[in-house]
Amino acid sequence: MDYNVLGTDLVPCSYSPLTGFQREGCCSADDTDAGSHFICARVTQAFLDFSVQRGNDLVTPRPEFRFAGLKAGDRWCLCASRWQEALEAGVAPPVDLESTHARALDFVSLDDLKRHALPPKRTPSH
């Protein structure tokens, strides 16, 4: 089982759009993932524009990679180093801590992630 930055079980990030390096919905750790797509974020237009400027177009569809293109509000597994760059540029998108892999902490601080955290998901009470 994979763990998130909070030390609990990793929760899926998004099935629509289908995210993850292996397109399984989770920001899972995989040694073949040179980009370290560990951070589950809700992308913003400012981040998407920044990413295009940095040479990574996340907006244009690329069907050959099963990628429909992102729009603001979509949840996506981001490269940890790109999120850190966006943080330093003042455009880091909010993150889902429950869906961000623990290995993200090899690249970014938990304090920075917490400062940009989405509200936690609420589980229904019985």
N, C-alpha and C. Protein backbone atom coordinates (compact mmCIF):
# COMPACT_ATOMS: atom_id res chain seq x y z
N MET A 1 0.84 -1.18 0.00
CA MET A 1 0.00 0.00 0.00
C MET A 1 0.88 1.25 0.00
N ASP A 2 0.47 2.25 -0.76
CA ASP A 2 1.18 3.53 -0.78
C ASP A 2 0.58 4.45 0.28
N TYR A 3 1.42 5.36 0.79
CA TYR A 3 0.99 6.29 1.82
C TYR A 3 1.07 7.72 1.33
N ASN A 4 0.25 8.57 1.94
CA ASN A 4 0.25 9.98 1.59
C ASN A 4 1.15 10.76 2.55
N VAL A 5 1.23 12.07 2.35
CA VAL A 5 2.11 12.92 3.16
C VAL A 5 1.64 13.02 4.61
N LEU A 6 0.43 12.57 4.90
CA LEU A 6 -0.09 12.58 6.26
C LEU A 6 0.18 11.25 6.98
N GLY A 7 0.75 10.29 6.24
CA GLY A 7 1.07 8.99 6.82
C GLY A 7 -0.08 8.00 6.81
N THR A 8 -1.15 8.33 6.10
CA THR A 8 -2.29 7.42 5.98
C THR A 8 -2.33 6.86 4.55
N ASP A 9 -3.27 5.96 4.30
CA ASP A 9 -3.37 5.35 2.97
C ASP A 9 -3.60 6.41 1.90
N LEU A 10 -2.91 6.25 0.79
CA LEU A 10 -3.05 7.15 -0.34
C LEU A 10 -4.44 7.02 -0.95
N VAL A 11 -5.10 8.15 -1.13
CA VAL A 11 -6.45 8.21 -1.70
C VAL A 11 -6.31 8.59 -3.18
N PRO A 12 -7.14 8.03 -4.07
CA PRO A 12 -7.07 8.42 -5.48
C PRO A 12 -7.20 9.93 -5.66
N CYS A 13 -6.54 10.45 -6.68
CA CYS A 13 -6.55 11.88 -6.99
C CYS A 13 -7.69 12.21 -7.95
N SER A 14 -7.76 11.54 -9.09
CA SER A 14 -8.80 11.83 -10.07
C SER A 14 -8.95 10.70 -11.08
N TYR A 15 -10.20 10.39 -11.36
CA TYR A 15 -10.51 9.44 -12.43
C TYR A 15 -11.06 10.17 -13.65
N SER A 16 -11.43 11.44 -13.47
CA SER A 16 -11.94 12.24 -14.58
C SER A 16 -11.51 13.69 -14.38
N PRO A 17 -10.42 14.13 -15.01
CA PRO A 17 -9.62 13.35 -15.96
C PRO A 17 -8.80 12.27 -15.24
N LEU A 18 -8.52 11.22 -15.98
CA LEU A 18 -7.75 10.10 -15.44
C LEU A 18 -6.29 10.51 -15.31
N THR A 19 -5.80 10.54 -14.08
CA THR A 19 -4.46 11.04 -13.80
C THR A 19 -3.54 9.93 -13.31
N GLY A 20 -2.34 10.31 -12.95
CA GLY A 20 -1.32 9.38 -12.48
C GLY A 20 -0.37 9.03 -13.60
N PHE A 21 0.87 8.81 -13.25
CA PHE A 21 1.88 8.49 -14.26
C PHE A 21 1.46 7.28 -15.09
N GLN A 22 0.85 6.30 -14.44
CA GLN A 22 0.36 5.10 -15.13
C GLN A 22 -1.12 5.20 -15.51
N ARG A 23 -1.72 6.39 -15.33
CA ARG A 23 -3.14 6.66 -15.61
C ARG A 23 -4.04 5.66 -14.88
N GLU A 24 -3.81 5.56 -13.55
CA GLU A 24 -4.64 4.69 -12.72
C GLU A 24 -5.43 5.48 -11.69
N GLY A 25 -5.33 6.83 -11.75
CA GLY A 25 -6.10 7.68 -10.86
C GLY A 25 -5.37 8.12 -9.60
N CYS A 26 -4.21 7.52 -9.32
CA CYS A 26 -3.46 7.85 -8.11
C CYS A 26 -2.09 8.44 -8.43
N CYS A 27 -1.59 9.23 -7.50
CA CYS A 27 -0.24 9.80 -7.62
C CYS A 27 0.74 8.82 -6.97
N SER A 28 0.80 7.63 -7.52
CA SER A 28 1.59 6.54 -6.95
C SER A 28 3.07 6.66 -7.27
N ALA A 29 3.87 6.07 -6.40
CA ALA A 29 5.31 6.03 -6.61
C ALA A 29 5.64 4.91 -7.59
N ASP A 30 6.50 5.22 -8.53
CA ASP A 30 6.93 4.24 -9.53
C ASP A 30 8.33 4.64 -9.96
N ASP A 31 9.26 3.70 -9.90
CA ASP A 31 10.65 4.02 -10.24
C ASP A 31 10.85 4.40 -11.70
N THR A 32 9.88 4.08 -12.57
CA THR A 32 10.01 4.47 -13.98
C THR A 32 9.52 5.90 -14.21
N ASP A 33 8.95 6.53 -13.19
CA ASP A 33 8.42 7.89 -13.30
C ASP A 33 9.53 8.90 -13.00
N ALA A 34 10.27 9.28 -14.02
CA ALA A 34 11.38 10.23 -13.84
C ALA A 34 10.88 11.60 -13.39
N GLY A 35 9.62 11.93 -13.67
CA GLY A 35 9.08 13.22 -13.29
C GLY A 35 8.55 13.31 -11.87
N SER A 36 8.46 12.18 -11.18
CA SER A 36 7.97 12.16 -9.80
C SER A 36 6.62 12.85 -9.67
N HIS A 37 5.61 12.30 -10.35
CA HIS A 37 4.25 12.85 -10.36
C HIS A 37 3.52 12.48 -9.07
N PHE A 38 3.95 13.07 -7.96
CA PHE A 38 3.48 12.67 -6.64
C PHE A 38 2.47 13.62 -6.01
N ILE A 39 2.31 14.82 -6.54
CA ILE A 39 1.47 15.83 -5.89
C ILE A 39 0.11 15.94 -6.58
N CYS A 40 -0.94 15.66 -5.83
CA CYS A 40 -2.30 15.79 -6.35
C CYS A 40 -2.74 17.23 -6.14
N ALA A 41 -2.97 17.94 -7.24
CA ALA A 41 -3.35 19.35 -7.17
C ALA A 41 -4.63 19.60 -7.94
N ARG A 42 -5.34 20.64 -7.53
CA ARG A 42 -6.45 21.17 -8.31
C ARG A 42 -5.86 22.34 -9.08
N VAL A 43 -5.63 22.12 -10.38
CA VAL A 43 -4.89 23.12 -11.16
C VAL A 43 -5.68 24.41 -11.32
N THR A 44 -4.94 25.49 -11.36
CA THR A 44 -5.51 26.82 -11.57
C THR A 44 -5.06 27.32 -12.94
N GLN A 45 -5.74 28.34 -13.45
CA GLN A 45 -5.32 28.91 -14.73
C GLN A 45 -3.92 29.50 -14.62
N ALA A 46 -3.62 30.13 -13.48
CA ALA A 46 -2.28 30.71 -13.30
C ALA A 46 -1.22 29.62 -13.36
N PHE A 47 -1.48 28.46 -12.77
CA PHE A 47 -0.51 27.37 -12.82
C PHE A 47 -0.40 26.82 -14.25
N LEU A 48 -1.52 26.64 -14.92
CA LEU A 48 -1.48 26.11 -16.30
C LEU A 48 -0.69 27.05 -17.20
N ASP A 49 -0.91 28.36 -17.07
CA ASP A 49 -0.14 29.33 -17.86
C ASP A 49 1.34 29.25 -17.53
N PHE A 50 1.67 29.15 -16.26
CA PHE A 50 3.06 29.02 -15.81
C PHE A 50 3.70 27.76 -16.41
N SER A 51 2.96 26.66 -16.37
CA SER A 51 3.49 25.40 -16.88
C SER A 51 3.79 25.48 -18.37
N VAL A 52 2.89 26.12 -19.13
CA VAL A 52 3.13 26.31 -20.57
C VAL A 52 4.40 27.13 -20.76
N GLN A 53 4.56 28.21 -19.99
CA GLN A 53 5.75 29.06 -20.09
C GLN A 53 7.02 28.28 -19.78
N ARG A 54 6.91 27.26 -18.92
CA ARG A 54 8.08 26.45 -18.54
C ARG A 54 8.29 25.27 -19.50
N GLY A 55 7.49 25.21 -20.57
CA GLY A 55 7.69 24.18 -21.59
C GLY A 55 6.88 22.92 -21.41
N ASN A 56 5.91 22.93 -20.50
CA ASN A 56 5.07 21.75 -20.27
C ASN A 56 3.61 22.14 -20.48
N ASP A 57 3.13 21.94 -21.70
CA ASP A 57 1.76 22.30 -22.06
C ASP A 57 0.80 21.24 -21.54
N LEU A 58 0.08 21.59 -20.49
CA LEU A 58 -0.90 20.68 -19.90
C LEU A 58 -2.32 20.97 -20.39
N VAL A 59 -2.46 21.89 -21.33
CA VAL A 59 -3.76 22.32 -21.81
C VAL A 59 -4.13 21.61 -23.11
N THR A 60 -3.19 21.45 -24.01
CA THR A 60 -3.45 20.87 -25.33
C THR A 60 -3.66 19.36 -25.23
N PRO A 61 -4.77 18.85 -25.78
CA PRO A 61 -5.00 17.40 -25.76
C PRO A 61 -3.88 16.64 -26.49
N ARG A 62 -3.51 15.50 -25.93
CA ARG A 62 -2.51 14.60 -26.53
C ARG A 62 -3.06 13.18 -26.45
N PRO A 63 -3.96 12.82 -27.37
CA PRO A 63 -4.62 11.51 -27.30
C PRO A 63 -3.65 10.33 -27.31
N GLU A 64 -2.50 10.50 -27.94
CA GLU A 64 -1.53 9.40 -27.98
C GLU A 64 -1.00 9.04 -26.60
N PHE A 65 -1.18 9.96 -25.63
CA PHE A 65 -0.78 9.71 -24.24
C PHE A 65 -2.00 9.59 -23.33
N ARG A 66 -3.18 9.37 -23.94
CA ARG A 66 -4.44 9.30 -23.19
C ARG A 66 -4.61 10.55 -22.34
N PHE A 67 -4.34 11.72 -22.95
CA PHE A 67 -4.39 13.00 -22.24
C PHE A 67 -5.32 13.95 -22.97
N ALA A 68 -6.41 14.33 -22.32
CA ALA A 68 -7.43 15.17 -22.94
C ALA A 68 -7.14 16.66 -22.81
N GLY A 69 -6.10 17.03 -22.07
CA GLY A 69 -5.83 18.43 -21.79
C GLY A 69 -6.56 18.85 -20.52
N LEU A 70 -5.95 19.74 -19.78
CA LEU A 70 -6.52 20.18 -18.50
C LEU A 70 -7.13 21.56 -18.61
N LYS A 71 -8.07 21.81 -17.71
CA LYS A 71 -8.65 23.15 -17.55
C LYS A 71 -8.62 23.46 -16.05
N ALA A 72 -8.68 24.73 -15.73
CA ALA A 72 -8.68 25.14 -14.33
C ALA A 72 -9.77 24.39 -13.58
N GLY A 73 -9.41 23.89 -12.40
CA GLY A 73 -10.34 23.13 -11.57
C GLY A 73 -10.15 21.64 -11.65
N ASP A 74 -9.47 21.16 -12.71
CA ASP A 74 -9.18 19.73 -12.81
C ASP A 74 -8.18 19.33 -11.75
N ARG A 75 -8.29 18.09 -11.29
CA ARG A 75 -7.31 17.52 -10.35
C ARG A 75 -6.33 16.68 -11.15
N TRP A 76 -5.03 16.81 -10.82
CA TRP A 76 -3.99 16.18 -11.62
C TRP A 76 -2.77 15.88 -10.76
N CYS A 77 -2.09 14.78 -11.05
CA CYS A 77 -0.84 14.44 -10.37
C CYS A 77 0.29 15.23 -11.03
N LEU A 78 0.85 16.16 -10.27
CA LEU A 78 1.91 17.02 -10.78
C LEU A 78 3.28 16.52 -10.39
N CYS A 79 4.27 16.86 -11.23
CA CYS A 79 5.67 16.62 -10.89
C CYS A 79 5.99 17.45 -9.65
N ALA A 80 6.60 16.81 -8.68
CA ALA A 80 6.90 17.51 -7.43
C ALA A 80 7.82 18.71 -7.67
N SER A 81 8.80 18.56 -8.55
CA SER A 81 9.73 19.67 -8.80
C SER A 81 9.02 20.84 -9.50
N ARG A 82 8.04 20.57 -10.37
CA ARG A 82 7.29 21.65 -11.03
C ARG A 82 6.41 22.37 -10.02
N TRP A 83 5.80 21.63 -9.09
CA TRP A 83 5.00 22.28 -8.07
C TRP A 83 5.88 23.21 -7.23
N GLN A 84 7.09 22.75 -6.90
CA GLN A 84 8.02 23.58 -6.12
C GLN A 84 8.40 24.83 -6.91
N GLU A 85 8.65 24.69 -8.21
CA GLU A 85 8.94 25.86 -9.06
C GLU A 85 7.77 26.83 -9.04
N ALA A 86 6.55 26.29 -9.14
CA ALA A 86 5.35 27.13 -9.12
C ALA A 86 5.21 27.83 -7.77
N LEU A 87 5.55 27.14 -6.71
CA LEU A 87 5.51 27.75 -5.38
C LEU A 87 6.44 28.95 -5.32
N GLU A 88 7.65 28.76 -5.80
CA GLU A 88 8.65 29.83 -5.78
C GLU A 88 8.23 31.00 -6.67
N ALA A 89 7.42 30.73 -7.70
CA ALA A 89 6.93 31.78 -8.61
C ALA A 89 5.61 32.38 -8.12
N GLY A 90 5.07 31.87 -7.02
CA GLY A 90 3.83 32.40 -6.48
C GLY A 90 2.57 31.90 -7.14
N VAL A 91 2.64 30.77 -7.88
CA VAL A 91 1.47 30.26 -8.58
C VAL A 91 1.19 28.78 -8.28
N ALA A 92 1.64 28.30 -7.12
CA ALA A 92 1.41 26.89 -6.77
C ALA A 92 -0.09 26.63 -6.61
N PRO A 93 -0.59 25.60 -7.27
CA PRO A 93 -2.01 25.28 -7.12
C PRO A 93 -2.27 24.57 -5.79
N PRO A 94 -3.51 24.60 -5.32
CA PRO A 94 -3.83 23.91 -4.07
C PRO A 94 -3.69 22.39 -4.22
N VAL A 95 -3.35 21.74 -3.11
CA VAL A 95 -3.08 20.31 -3.13
C VAL A 95 -4.04 19.54 -2.23
N ASP A 96 -4.25 18.30 -2.59
CA ASP A 96 -5.03 17.36 -1.79
C ASP A 96 -4.01 16.51 -1.02
N LEU A 97 -3.88 16.76 0.27
CA LEU A 97 -2.87 16.07 1.07
C LEU A 97 -3.12 14.57 1.15
N GLU A 98 -4.37 14.17 1.19
CA GLU A 98 -4.71 12.75 1.28
C GLU A 98 -4.33 11.99 -0.01
N SER A 99 -4.24 12.72 -1.11
CA SER A 99 -3.94 12.10 -2.41
C SER A 99 -2.53 12.41 -2.90
N THR A 100 -1.71 13.08 -2.08
CA THR A 100 -0.33 13.39 -2.43
C THR A 100 0.58 12.35 -1.81
N HIS A 101 1.36 11.69 -2.65
CA HIS A 101 2.21 10.58 -2.21
C HIS A 101 3.28 11.06 -1.24
N ALA A 102 3.60 10.23 -0.26
CA ALA A 102 4.62 10.55 0.75
C ALA A 102 5.96 10.90 0.12
N ARG A 103 6.27 10.33 -1.04
CA ARG A 103 7.56 10.62 -1.68
C ARG A 103 7.66 12.07 -2.17
N ALA A 104 6.56 12.78 -2.20
CA ALA A 104 6.61 14.22 -2.53
C ALA A 104 7.49 14.96 -1.54
N LEU A 105 7.57 14.43 -0.31
CA LEU A 105 8.36 15.09 0.73
C LEU A 105 9.86 15.02 0.46
N ASP A 106 10.27 14.24 -0.54
CA ASP A 106 11.67 14.24 -0.98
C ASP A 106 11.98 15.52 -1.75
N PHE A 107 10.94 16.25 -2.18
CA PHE A 107 11.10 17.41 -3.04
C PHE A 107 10.57 18.70 -2.45
N VAL A 108 9.52 18.60 -1.63
CA VAL A 108 8.85 19.77 -1.08
C VAL A 108 8.62 19.56 0.41
N SER A 109 8.40 20.66 1.12
CA SER A 109 8.19 20.52 2.56
C SER A 109 6.71 20.31 2.87
N LEU A 110 6.46 19.58 3.94
CA LEU A 110 5.09 19.36 4.38
C LEU A 110 4.44 20.68 4.77
N ASP A 111 5.20 21.57 5.36
CA ASP A 111 4.64 22.88 5.73
C ASP A 111 4.14 23.63 4.51
N ASP A 112 4.93 23.62 3.40
CA ASP A 112 4.48 24.29 2.17
C ASP A 112 3.22 23.63 1.62
N LEU A 113 3.19 22.29 1.63
CA LEU A 113 2.01 21.59 1.15
C LEU A 113 0.79 21.94 2.01
N LYS A 114 0.98 21.97 3.32
CA LYS A 114 -0.14 22.29 4.22
C LYS A 114 -0.65 23.70 4.00
N ARG A 115 0.25 24.64 3.71
CA ARG A 115 -0.17 26.02 3.45
C ARG A 115 -1.00 26.13 2.17
N HIS A 116 -0.88 25.14 1.29
CA HIS A 116 -1.60 25.16 0.01
C HIS A 116 -2.63 24.04 -0.07
N ALA A 117 -3.03 23.52 1.09
CA ALA A 117 -3.93 22.36 1.12
C ALA A 117 -5.37 22.74 0.85
N LEU A 118 -6.03 21.88 0.09
CA LEU A 118 -7.48 21.95 -0.06
C LEU A 118 -8.11 21.51 1.25
N PRO A 119 -9.35 21.91 1.52
CA PRO A 119 -10.01 21.40 2.72
C PRO A 119 -10.08 19.88 2.66
N PRO A 120 -9.95 19.21 3.81
CA PRO A 120 -10.02 17.74 3.80
C PRO A 120 -11.40 17.26 3.35
N LYS A 121 -11.41 16.07 2.75
CA LYS A 121 -12.68 15.47 2.34
C LYS A 121 -13.44 15.08 3.61
N ARG A 122 -14.71 15.24 3.56
CA ARG A 122 -15.54 14.85 4.72
C ARG A 122 -16.15 13.48 4.45
N THR A 123 -16.07 12.63 5.44
CA THR A 123 -16.69 11.32 5.32
C THR A 123 -18.07 11.40 5.99
N PRO A 124 -19.05 10.77 5.40
CA PRO A 124 -20.40 10.83 5.98
C PRO A 124 -20.42 10.18 7.36
N SER A 125 -21.14 10.80 8.28
CA SER A 125 -21.29 10.20 9.61
C SER A 125 -22.50 9.27 9.60
N HIS A 126 -22.45 8.29 10.45
CA HIS A 126 -23.54 7.29 10.50
C HIS A 126 -24.39 7.49 11.71
